[in-house]
């Protein structure tokens, strides 16, 4: 089990009139705790959850999430997101990044689902890369409609990633990015309840 503290903010630009200045809304402070990490793609101590500098997203980094030809790897993370009273959030986009080396005739597939406990999937990515391929890859999954976490209730955020590779054992797909191995980024929108 791993824990991380994440800050997120909503900055509402208020332009005070000459006659009256309006008070600025307080930024929400968020606590992020990984409740469970399960799967062959994320053995113990191989994934880390952190915030990003502008506090409007958080990311999950994997260091051992790699599938080779004829196999698959998966990882399910359950993340408890603590937000202050009066606020809620939505994950409006999830970005996955990695690297693939696929021989001629091989194929690699990334399948990602994300949802709040008790709700249907909020975001999904399903992309296949065909060999020959030797390059970085990225999937961007944007929500067609925002699903906000319930106000005043606790709902865990679930991330389920699967990598599959068909072809010779020399082919592989990894879920990581060149920049500090940030693999999956959740982009957030905030609103007051």
C-alpha atoms as a PDB file:
ATOM      1  CA  UNK A   1       0.000   0.000   0.000  1.00  0.00           C
ATOM      2  CA  UNK A   2       1.301   3.432  -0.886  1.00  0.00           C
ATOM      3  CA  UNK A   3       0.173   6.917   0.006  1.00  0.00           C
ATOM      4  CA  UNK A   4       0.661  10.294  -1.565  1.00  0.00           C
ATOM      5  CA  UNK A   5      -0.665  13.751  -0.908  1.00  0.00           C
ATOM      6  CA  UNK A   6      -2.009  15.562  -3.914  1.00  0.00           C
ATOM      7  CA  UNK A   7      -2.967  19.192  -4.199  1.00  0.00           C
ATOM      8  CA  UNK A   8      -5.426  20.394  -6.758  1.00  0.00           C
ATOM      9  CA  UNK A   9      -6.717  23.863  -7.306  1.00  0.00           C
ATOM     10  CA  UNK A  10      -9.448  25.740  -8.990  1.00  0.00           C
ATOM     11  CA  UNK A  11      -8.422  29.267  -9.787  1.00  0.00           C
ATOM     12  CA  UNK A  12     -11.367  31.487 -10.499  1.00  0.00           C
ATOM     13  CA  UNK A  13     -10.269  34.812 -11.923  1.00  0.00           C
ATOM     14  CA  UNK A  14     -12.278  37.555 -10.309  1.00  0.00           C
ATOM     15  CA  UNK A  15     -11.940  41.071 -11.619  1.00  0.00           C
ATOM     16  CA  UNK A  16     -13.063  43.423  -8.871  1.00  0.00           C
ATOM     17  CA  UNK A  17     -15.010  46.450  -9.908  1.00  0.00           C
ATOM     18  CA  UNK A  18     -13.754  49.826  -8.868  1.00  0.00           C
ATOM     19  CA  UNK A  19     -16.620  50.086  -6.400  1.00  0.00           C
ATOM     20  CA  UNK A  20     -16.362  46.665  -4.749  1.00  0.00           C
ATOM     21  CA  UNK A  21     -13.751  43.902  -4.511  1.00  0.00           C
ATOM     22  CA  UNK A  22     -15.021  40.313  -4.414  1.00  0.00           C
ATOM     23  CA  UNK A  23     -13.415  37.703  -2.129  1.00  0.00           C
ATOM     24  CA  UNK A  24     -11.312  34.995  -3.786  1.00  0.00           C
ATOM     25  CA  UNK A  25     -12.535  31.382  -3.510  1.00  0.00           C
ATOM     26  CA  UNK A  26     -10.324  29.073  -1.463  1.00  0.00           C
ATOM     27  CA  UNK A  27      -8.429  26.408  -3.402  1.00  0.00           C
ATOM     28  CA  UNK A  28      -9.439  22.837  -2.515  1.00  0.00           C
ATOM     29  CA  UNK A  29      -6.778  20.717  -0.819  1.00  0.00           C
ATOM     30  CA  UNK A  30      -6.915  17.087  -1.852  1.00  0.00           C
ATOM     31  CA  UNK A  31      -5.526  13.970  -0.212  1.00  0.00           C
ATOM     32  CA  UNK A  32      -4.751  11.037  -2.469  1.00  0.00           C
ATOM     33  CA  UNK A  33      -4.163   7.558  -1.054  1.00  0.00           C
ATOM     34  CA  UNK A  34      -3.598   4.398  -3.066  1.00  0.00           C
ATOM     35  CA  UNK A  35      -5.793   1.811  -1.347  1.00  0.00           C
ATOM     36  CA  UNK A  36      -4.900  -1.191  -3.513  1.00  0.00           C
ATOM     37  CA  UNK A  37      -2.517  -2.060  -6.354  1.00  0.00           C
ATOM     38  CA  UNK A  38      -3.113  -5.402  -8.035  1.00  0.00           C
ATOM     39  CA  UNK A  39      -1.783  -7.024 -11.185  1.00  0.00           C
ATOM     40  CA  UNK A  40       1.213  -8.424 -12.996  1.00  0.00           C
ATOM     41  CA  UNK A  41       2.058  -4.999 -14.468  1.00  0.00           C
ATOM     42  CA  UNK A  42       2.524  -3.353 -11.081  1.00  0.00           C
ATOM     43  CA  UNK A  43       4.358  -5.578  -8.600  1.00  0.00           C
ATOM     44  CA  UNK A  44       5.050  -4.209  -5.123  1.00  0.00           C
ATOM     45  CA  UNK A  45       6.840  -0.834  -5.046  1.00  0.00           C
ATOM     46  CA  UNK A  46       6.794  -0.393  -8.838  1.00  0.00           C
ATOM     47  CA  UNK A  47       4.162   2.337  -9.132  1.00  0.00           C
ATOM     48  CA  UNK A  48       4.031   5.845  -7.668  1.00  0.00           C
ATOM     49  CA  UNK A  49       1.208   8.397  -7.600  1.00  0.00           C
ATOM     50  CA  UNK A  50       2.091  12.102  -7.587  1.00  0.00           C
ATOM     51  CA  UNK A  51       0.620  15.486  -8.369  1.00  0.00           C
ATOM     52  CA  UNK A  52       1.679  17.715 -11.250  1.00  0.00           C
ATOM     53  CA  UNK A  53       3.039  21.250 -10.841  1.00  0.00           C
ATOM     54  CA  UNK A  54      -0.158  23.142 -11.704  1.00  0.00           C
ATOM     55  CA  UNK A  55      -2.208  21.063  -9.212  1.00  0.00           C
ATOM     56  CA  UNK A  56      -4.953  20.293 -11.756  1.00  0.00           C
ATOM     57  CA  UNK A  57      -3.931  16.691 -12.343  1.00  0.00           C
ATOM     58  CA  UNK A  58      -2.166  13.728 -10.854  1.00  0.00           C
ATOM     59  CA  UNK A  59      -0.125  11.003 -12.447  1.00  0.00           C
ATOM     60  CA  UNK A  60       0.731   7.356 -11.936  1.00  0.00           C
ATOM     61  CA  UNK A  61       4.226   6.171 -12.844  1.00  0.00           C
ATOM     62  CA  UNK A  62       5.005   2.512 -13.533  1.00  0.00           C
ATOM     63  CA  UNK A  63       8.522   1.105 -13.664  1.00  0.00           C
ATOM     64  CA  UNK A  64       7.841  -2.561 -14.508  1.00  0.00           C
ATOM     65  CA  UNK A  65       4.732  -2.488 -16.720  1.00  0.00           C
ATOM     66  CA  UNK A  66       5.962  -4.356 -19.814  1.00  0.00           C
ATOM     67  CA  UNK A  67       4.359  -7.113 -21.883  1.00  0.00           C
ATOM     68  CA  UNK A  68       6.287  -9.228 -24.393  1.00  0.00           C
ATOM     69  CA  UNK A  69       5.059 -11.220 -27.381  1.00  0.00           C
ATOM     70  CA  UNK A  70       2.383 -13.799 -26.592  1.00  0.00           C
ATOM     71  CA  UNK A  71       1.582 -12.319 -23.171  1.00  0.00           C
ATOM     72  CA  UNK A  72      -0.244  -9.559 -21.360  1.00  0.00           C
ATOM     73  CA  UNK A  73       0.188  -7.483 -18.205  1.00  0.00           C
ATOM     74  CA  UNK A  74      -2.461  -5.664 -16.240  1.00  0.00           C
ATOM     75  CA  UNK A  75      -2.766  -3.366 -13.238  1.00  0.00           C
ATOM     76  CA  UNK A  76      -5.762  -2.176 -11.244  1.00  0.00           C
ATOM     77  CA  UNK A  77      -5.259   0.759  -8.874  1.00  0.00           C
ATOM     78  CA  UNK A  78      -7.872   1.814  -6.336  1.00  0.00           C
ATOM     79  CA  UNK A  79      -7.312   5.421  -5.292  1.00  0.00           C
ATOM     80  CA  UNK A  80      -9.068   7.084  -2.369  1.00  0.00           C
ATOM     81  CA  UNK A  81      -9.477  10.783  -3.104  1.00  0.00           C
ATOM     82  CA  UNK A  82     -10.220  12.969  -0.097  1.00  0.00           C
ATOM     83  CA  UNK A  83     -11.619  16.376  -0.999  1.00  0.00           C
ATOM     84  CA  UNK A  84     -12.839  19.171   1.254  1.00  0.00           C
ATOM     85  CA  UNK A  85     -16.510  19.669   2.046  1.00  0.00           C
ATOM     86  CA  UNK A  86     -18.316  21.680  -0.573  1.00  0.00           C
ATOM     87  CA  UNK A  87     -16.172  20.531  -3.529  1.00  0.00           C
ATOM     88  CA  UNK A  88     -16.285  17.724  -6.077  1.00  0.00           C
ATOM     89  CA  UNK A  89     -14.172  16.779  -9.093  1.00  0.00           C
ATOM     90  CA  UNK A  90     -14.348  15.032 -12.435  1.00  0.00           C
ATOM     91  CA  UNK A  91     -11.635  13.266 -14.414  1.00  0.00           C
ATOM     92  CA  UNK A  92     -12.122  14.812 -17.841  1.00  0.00           C
ATOM     93  CA  UNK A  93      -9.142  13.241 -19.620  1.00  0.00           C
ATOM     94  CA  UNK A  94      -6.674  10.402 -19.101  1.00  0.00           C
ATOM     95  CA  UNK A  95      -3.370  10.271 -21.008  1.00  0.00           C
ATOM     96  CA  UNK A  96      -1.374   7.018 -21.248  1.00  0.00           C
ATOM     97  CA  UNK A  97       2.190   6.942 -22.589  1.00  0.00           C
ATOM     98  CA  UNK A  98       4.623   4.197 -23.378  1.00  0.00           C
ATOM     99  CA  UNK A  99       7.035   2.612 -25.813  1.00  0.00           C
ATOM    100  CA  UNK A 100       6.562  -0.234 -28.252  1.00  0.00           C
ATOM    101  CA  UNK A 101       8.939  -2.471 -30.179  1.00  0.00           C
ATOM    102  CA  UNK A 102       6.839  -4.638 -32.481  1.00  0.00           C
ATOM    103  CA  UNK A 103       8.216  -6.959 -35.139  1.00  0.00           C
ATOM    104  CA  UNK A 104       6.627  -7.272 -38.559  1.00  0.00           C
ATOM    105  CA  UNK A 105       3.250  -9.003 -38.080  1.00  0.00           C
ATOM    106  CA  UNK A 106       3.153  -8.340 -34.299  1.00  0.00           C
ATOM    107  CA  UNK A 107       0.532  -6.193 -32.578  1.00  0.00           C
ATOM    108  CA  UNK A 108       0.397  -4.410 -29.237  1.00  0.00           C
ATOM    109  CA  UNK A 109      -2.796  -3.215 -27.541  1.00  0.00           C
ATOM    110  CA  UNK A 110      -3.403  -0.798 -24.659  1.00  0.00           C
ATOM    111  CA  UNK A 111      -6.793  -1.025 -22.945  1.00  0.00           C
ATOM    112  CA  UNK A 112      -7.587   1.446 -20.144  1.00  0.00           C
ATOM    113  CA  UNK A 113     -10.763   1.930 -18.130  1.00  0.00           C
ATOM    114  CA  UNK A 114     -11.313   4.481 -15.368  1.00  0.00           C
ATOM    115  CA  UNK A 115     -14.369   4.967 -13.164  1.00  0.00           C
ATOM    116  CA  UNK A 116     -15.676   5.967  -9.735  1.00  0.00           C
ATOM    117  CA  UNK A 117     -16.790   3.131  -7.441  1.00  0.00           C
ATOM    118  CA  UNK A 118     -20.462   2.434  -8.104  1.00  0.00           C
ATOM    119  CA  UNK A 119     -20.540   4.328 -11.420  1.00  0.00           C
ATOM    120  CA  UNK A 120     -20.097   3.173 -15.018  1.00  0.00           C
ATOM    121  CA  UNK A 121     -16.806   3.788 -16.819  1.00  0.00           C
ATOM    122  CA  UNK A 122     -16.009   7.481 -17.076  1.00  0.00           C
ATOM    123  CA  UNK A 123     -13.122   7.133 -19.531  1.00  0.00           C
ATOM    124  CA  UNK A 124     -11.869   4.384 -21.803  1.00  0.00           C
ATOM    125  CA  UNK A 125      -8.943   3.921 -24.196  1.00  0.00           C
ATOM    126  CA  UNK A 126      -8.515   0.998 -26.564  1.00  0.00           C
ATOM    127  CA  UNK A 127      -5.764   1.315 -29.154  1.00  0.00           C
ATOM    128  CA  UNK A 128      -3.791  -1.222 -31.165  1.00  0.00           C
ATOM    129  CA  UNK A 129      -0.353  -0.637 -32.686  1.00  0.00           C
ATOM    130  CA  UNK A 130       0.796  -2.893 -35.542  1.00  0.00           C
ATOM    131  CA  UNK A 131       4.363  -3.892 -36.377  1.00  0.00           C
ATOM    132  CA  UNK A 132       6.793  -3.078 -37.593  1.00  0.00           C
ATOM    133  CA  UNK A 133       6.829  -0.373 -34.905  1.00  0.00           C
ATOM    134  CA  UNK A 134       9.642   1.033 -32.758  1.00  0.00           C
ATOM    135  CA  UNK A 135       8.611   4.302 -31.122  1.00  0.00           C
ATOM    136  CA  UNK A 136       6.863   6.071 -28.250  1.00  0.00           C
ATOM    137  CA  UNK A 137       3.075   5.902 -28.221  1.00  0.00           C
ATOM    138  CA  UNK A 138       0.315   7.859 -26.478  1.00  0.00           C
ATOM    139  CA  UNK A 139      -3.441   7.568 -26.003  1.00  0.00           C
ATOM    140  CA  UNK A 140      -5.655  10.521 -25.039  1.00  0.00           C
ATOM    141  CA  UNK A 141      -9.101   9.679 -23.663  1.00  0.00           C
ATOM    142  CA  UNK A 142     -11.405  12.661 -23.228  1.00  0.00           C
ATOM    143  CA  UNK A 143     -14.803  12.353 -21.577  1.00  0.00           C
ATOM    144  CA  UNK A 144     -17.781  13.090 -23.816  1.00  0.00           C
ATOM    145  CA  UNK A 145     -19.695  14.161 -20.692  1.00  0.00           C
ATOM    146  CA  UNK A 146     -18.268  14.988 -17.264  1.00  0.00           C
ATOM    147  CA  UNK A 147     -19.062  12.563 -14.447  1.00  0.00           C
ATOM    148  CA  UNK A 148     -18.422  14.212 -11.080  1.00  0.00           C
ATOM    149  CA  UNK A 149     -17.707  12.317  -7.876  1.00  0.00           C
ATOM    150  CA  UNK A 150     -20.756  12.435  -5.604  1.00  0.00           C
ATOM    151  CA  UNK A 151     -20.868  15.461  -3.299  1.00  0.00           C
ATOM    152  CA  UNK A 152     -20.524  14.585   0.363  1.00  0.00           C
ATOM    153  CA  UNK A 153     -19.872  10.878  -0.305  1.00  0.00           C
ATOM    154  CA  UNK A 154     -16.766   8.752  -0.617  1.00  0.00           C
ATOM    155  CA  UNK A 155     -16.168   7.199  -4.044  1.00  0.00           C
ATOM    156  CA  UNK A 156     -12.829   5.646  -4.914  1.00  0.00           C
ATOM    157  CA  UNK A 157     -11.307   6.247  -8.335  1.00  0.00           C
ATOM    158  CA  UNK A 158     -10.372   3.026 -10.151  1.00  0.00           C
ATOM    159  CA  UNK A 159      -7.796   2.726 -12.947  1.00  0.00           C
ATOM    160  CA  UNK A 160      -7.514  -0.545 -14.867  1.00  0.00           C
ATOM    161  CA  UNK A 161      -4.749  -0.807 -17.512  1.00  0.00           C
ATOM    162  CA  UNK A 162      -3.947  -3.837 -19.692  1.00  0.00           C
ATOM    163  CA  UNK A 163      -1.161  -4.296 -22.251  1.00  0.00           C
ATOM    164  CA  UNK A 164      -1.334  -7.237 -24.697  1.00  0.00           C
ATOM    165  CA  UNK A 165       1.249  -8.240 -27.292  1.00  0.00           C
ATOM    166  CA  UNK A 166       0.655 -10.776 -30.051  1.00  0.00           C
ATOM    167  CA  UNK A 167       3.698 -11.964 -31.951  1.00  0.00           C
ATOM    168  CA  UNK A 168       7.232 -13.192 -31.225  1.00  0.00           C
ATOM    169  CA  UNK A 169       8.828 -12.812 -27.797  1.00  0.00           C
ATOM    170  CA  UNK A 170      11.122 -10.101 -29.217  1.00  0.00           C
ATOM    171  CA  UNK A 171       8.113  -7.770 -29.491  1.00  0.00           C
ATOM    172  CA  UNK A 172       7.091  -5.697 -26.470  1.00  0.00           C
ATOM    173  CA  UNK A 173       4.899  -2.852 -25.200  1.00  0.00           C
ATOM    174  CA  UNK A 174       5.690  -0.763 -22.120  1.00  0.00           C
ATOM    175  CA  UNK A 175       3.525   1.667 -20.173  1.00  0.00           C
ATOM    176  CA  UNK A 176       5.893   4.492 -19.284  1.00  0.00           C
ATOM    177  CA  UNK A 177       7.051   7.821 -20.650  1.00  0.00           C
ATOM    178  CA  UNK A 178      10.523   9.134 -21.306  1.00  0.00           C
ATOM    179  CA  UNK A 179       9.975  12.159 -19.033  1.00  0.00           C
ATOM    180  CA  UNK A 180      10.416  10.811 -15.498  1.00  0.00           C
ATOM    181  CA  UNK A 181       8.511   7.613 -16.383  1.00  0.00           C
ATOM    182  CA  UNK A 182       5.105   9.278 -15.960  1.00  0.00           C
ATOM    183  CA  UNK A 183       2.819   6.658 -17.445  1.00  0.00           C
ATOM    184  CA  UNK A 184      -0.764   7.757 -16.829  1.00  0.00           C
ATOM    185  CA  UNK A 185      -2.002  11.267 -16.161  1.00  0.00           C
ATOM    186  CA  UNK A 186      -5.488  12.126 -14.855  1.00  0.00           C
ATOM    187  CA  UNK A 187      -6.666  15.654 -15.714  1.00  0.00           C
ATOM    188  CA  UNK A 188      -9.206  17.095 -13.257  1.00  0.00           C
ATOM    189  CA  UNK A 189     -12.015  19.638 -13.263  1.00  0.00           C
ATOM    190  CA  UNK A 190     -13.343  21.026  -9.989  1.00  0.00           C
ATOM    191  CA  UNK A 191     -16.678  22.514  -8.986  1.00  0.00           C
ATOM    192  CA  UNK A 192     -18.398  23.549  -5.812  1.00  0.00           C
ATOM    193  CA  UNK A 193     -21.298  21.363  -4.664  1.00  0.00           C
END
